[in-house]
Amino acid sequence: MAKKPIGTTARTGETCPESGVWEVVGTPSTTAPIALGNTMPPYGGRAVTWRLIRHA
């Protein structure tokens, strides 16, 4: 199965589409390792958009 491309996005509450390092779009930002199939987490107590920046 092909990996999702760098730059793929997912929102808080969605299922992670690809294992790797994800970054919050916007500020404040952070990065987190998130595994395929996990639920994308909130950040700073709010729903955010995550962007894939590195494959696992």
N, C-alpha and C. Protein backbone atom coordinates (compact mmCIF):
# COMPACT_ATOMS: atom_id res chain seq x y z
N MET A 1 0.84 -1.19 0.00
CA MET A 1 0.00 0.00 0.00
C MET A 1 0.89 1.25 0.00
N ALA A 2 0.59 2.20 -0.87
CA ALA A 2 1.40 3.41 -0.99
C ALA A 2 1.20 4.32 0.21
N LYS A 3 2.31 4.97 0.58
CA LYS A 3 2.23 5.92 1.69
C LYS A 3 1.52 7.19 1.23
N LYS A 4 0.84 7.83 2.19
CA LYS A 4 0.22 9.13 1.91
C LYS A 4 1.36 10.13 1.71
N PRO A 5 1.17 11.12 0.84
CA PRO A 5 2.25 12.08 0.58
C PRO A 5 2.48 13.04 1.75
N ILE A 6 3.72 13.51 1.86
CA ILE A 6 4.04 14.58 2.82
C ILE A 6 3.11 15.75 2.49
N GLY A 7 2.55 16.36 3.52
CA GLY A 7 1.62 17.47 3.32
C GLY A 7 0.17 17.05 3.48
N THR A 8 -0.07 15.72 3.58
CA THR A 8 -1.43 15.23 3.83
C THR A 8 -1.92 15.85 5.13
N THR A 9 -3.20 16.21 5.20
CA THR A 9 -3.75 16.81 6.42
C THR A 9 -4.87 15.94 7.00
N ALA A 10 -5.07 16.09 8.30
CA ALA A 10 -6.16 15.42 9.01
C ALA A 10 -6.56 16.31 10.18
N ARG A 11 -7.84 16.28 10.51
CA ARG A 11 -8.37 17.12 11.60
C ARG A 11 -8.48 16.33 12.89
N THR A 12 -8.48 17.04 14.00
CA THR A 12 -8.74 16.44 15.31
C THR A 12 -10.00 15.59 15.23
N GLY A 13 -9.91 14.36 15.75
CA GLY A 13 -11.05 13.46 15.78
C GLY A 13 -11.09 12.49 14.61
N GLU A 14 -10.36 12.80 13.54
CA GLU A 14 -10.30 11.89 12.40
C GLU A 14 -9.30 10.76 12.68
N THR A 15 -9.39 9.70 11.92
CA THR A 15 -8.45 8.59 12.02
C THR A 15 -7.18 8.95 11.27
N CYS A 16 -6.03 8.74 11.92
CA CYS A 16 -4.74 9.05 11.29
C CYS A 16 -4.55 8.22 10.03
N PRO A 17 -4.32 8.87 8.87
CA PRO A 17 -4.20 8.15 7.62
C PRO A 17 -2.80 7.60 7.32
N GLU A 18 -1.79 7.99 8.12
CA GLU A 18 -0.41 7.58 7.86
C GLU A 18 0.44 7.75 9.12
N SER A 19 1.23 6.73 9.45
CA SER A 19 2.15 6.85 10.59
C SER A 19 3.27 7.81 10.23
N GLY A 20 3.59 8.68 11.18
CA GLY A 20 4.69 9.61 10.94
C GLY A 20 4.67 10.74 11.94
N VAL A 21 5.43 11.78 11.61
CA VAL A 21 5.48 12.99 12.44
C VAL A 21 4.52 13.99 11.83
N TRP A 22 3.62 14.48 12.65
CA TRP A 22 2.58 15.42 12.24
C TRP A 22 2.81 16.76 12.93
N GLU A 23 2.46 17.84 12.24
CA GLU A 23 2.63 19.20 12.76
C GLU A 23 1.29 19.92 12.72
N VAL A 24 1.01 20.69 13.77
CA VAL A 24 -0.21 21.49 13.80
C VAL A 24 -0.06 22.64 12.81
N VAL A 25 -1.09 22.83 11.97
CA VAL A 25 -1.12 23.95 11.03
C VAL A 25 -1.54 25.20 11.80
N GLY A 26 -0.73 26.25 11.74
CA GLY A 26 -1.05 27.49 12.43
C GLY A 26 -0.18 27.70 13.65
N THR A 27 -0.56 28.68 14.48
CA THR A 27 0.20 28.98 15.69
C THR A 27 -0.74 29.04 16.88
N PRO A 28 -0.33 28.59 18.06
CA PRO A 28 0.96 27.95 18.28
C PRO A 28 0.98 26.58 17.62
N SER A 29 2.17 26.13 17.25
CA SER A 29 2.31 24.85 16.56
C SER A 29 3.13 23.89 17.41
N THR A 30 3.02 22.63 17.09
CA THR A 30 3.80 21.59 17.74
C THR A 30 3.90 20.43 16.77
N THR A 31 4.76 19.48 17.08
CA THR A 31 4.83 18.25 16.29
C THR A 31 4.59 17.07 17.22
N ALA A 32 4.11 15.98 16.63
CA ALA A 32 3.86 14.77 17.41
C ALA A 32 3.93 13.55 16.51
N PRO A 33 4.51 12.44 17.03
CA PRO A 33 4.44 11.20 16.28
C PRO A 33 3.07 10.58 16.48
N ILE A 34 2.38 10.28 15.39
CA ILE A 34 1.04 9.70 15.46
C ILE A 34 1.01 8.49 14.54
N ALA A 35 0.49 7.37 15.04
CA ALA A 35 0.47 6.13 14.29
C ALA A 35 -0.81 5.96 13.48
N LEU A 36 -0.67 5.28 12.36
CA LEU A 36 -1.79 4.94 11.50
C LEU A 36 -2.91 4.30 12.33
N GLY A 37 -4.13 4.80 12.14
CA GLY A 37 -5.28 4.24 12.83
C GLY A 37 -5.63 4.90 14.15
N ASN A 38 -4.69 5.68 14.71
CA ASN A 38 -4.99 6.40 15.95
C ASN A 38 -5.89 7.60 15.63
N THR A 39 -6.54 8.12 16.65
CA THR A 39 -7.37 9.32 16.49
C THR A 39 -6.49 10.55 16.58
N MET A 40 -6.66 11.46 15.63
CA MET A 40 -5.87 12.70 15.64
C MET A 40 -6.28 13.52 16.87
N PRO A 41 -5.30 13.93 17.67
CA PRO A 41 -5.62 14.59 18.94
C PRO A 41 -5.89 16.09 18.80
N PRO A 42 -6.51 16.66 19.84
CA PRO A 42 -6.61 18.13 19.89
C PRO A 42 -5.26 18.70 20.32
N TYR A 43 -5.10 20.00 20.21
CA TYR A 43 -3.90 20.67 20.70
C TYR A 43 -4.33 21.97 21.37
N GLY A 44 -3.81 22.18 22.56
CA GLY A 44 -4.15 23.40 23.30
C GLY A 44 -5.63 23.46 23.64
N GLY A 45 -6.27 22.28 23.77
CA GLY A 45 -7.67 22.24 24.15
C GLY A 45 -8.64 22.55 23.03
N ARG A 46 -8.13 22.55 21.78
CA ARG A 46 -9.03 22.86 20.66
C ARG A 46 -8.77 21.92 19.50
N ALA A 47 -9.76 21.83 18.62
CA ALA A 47 -9.62 21.04 17.40
C ALA A 47 -8.68 21.77 16.45
N VAL A 48 -7.78 21.03 15.83
CA VAL A 48 -6.79 21.62 14.92
C VAL A 48 -6.66 20.75 13.67
N THR A 49 -5.98 21.30 12.69
CA THR A 49 -5.61 20.54 11.50
C THR A 49 -4.15 20.14 11.65
N TRP A 50 -3.87 18.86 11.42
CA TRP A 50 -2.51 18.33 11.46
C TRP A 50 -2.02 18.10 10.04
N ARG A 51 -0.72 18.34 9.80
CA ARG A 51 -0.11 18.11 8.48
C ARG A 51 1.06 17.13 8.64
N LEU A 52 1.10 16.12 7.79
CA LEU A 52 2.19 15.14 7.81
C LEU A 52 3.48 15.79 7.31
N ILE A 53 4.54 15.74 8.14
CA ILE A 53 5.80 16.34 7.72
C ILE A 53 6.92 15.32 7.53
N ARG A 54 6.74 14.10 8.08
CA ARG A 54 7.77 13.05 7.92
C ARG A 54 7.15 11.69 8.11
N HIS A 55 7.46 10.76 7.23
CA HIS A 55 6.98 9.39 7.39
C HIS A 55 7.70 8.69 8.52
N ALA A 56 7.03 7.71 9.14
CA ALA A 56 7.62 6.94 10.23
C ALA A 56 8.62 5.94 9.66
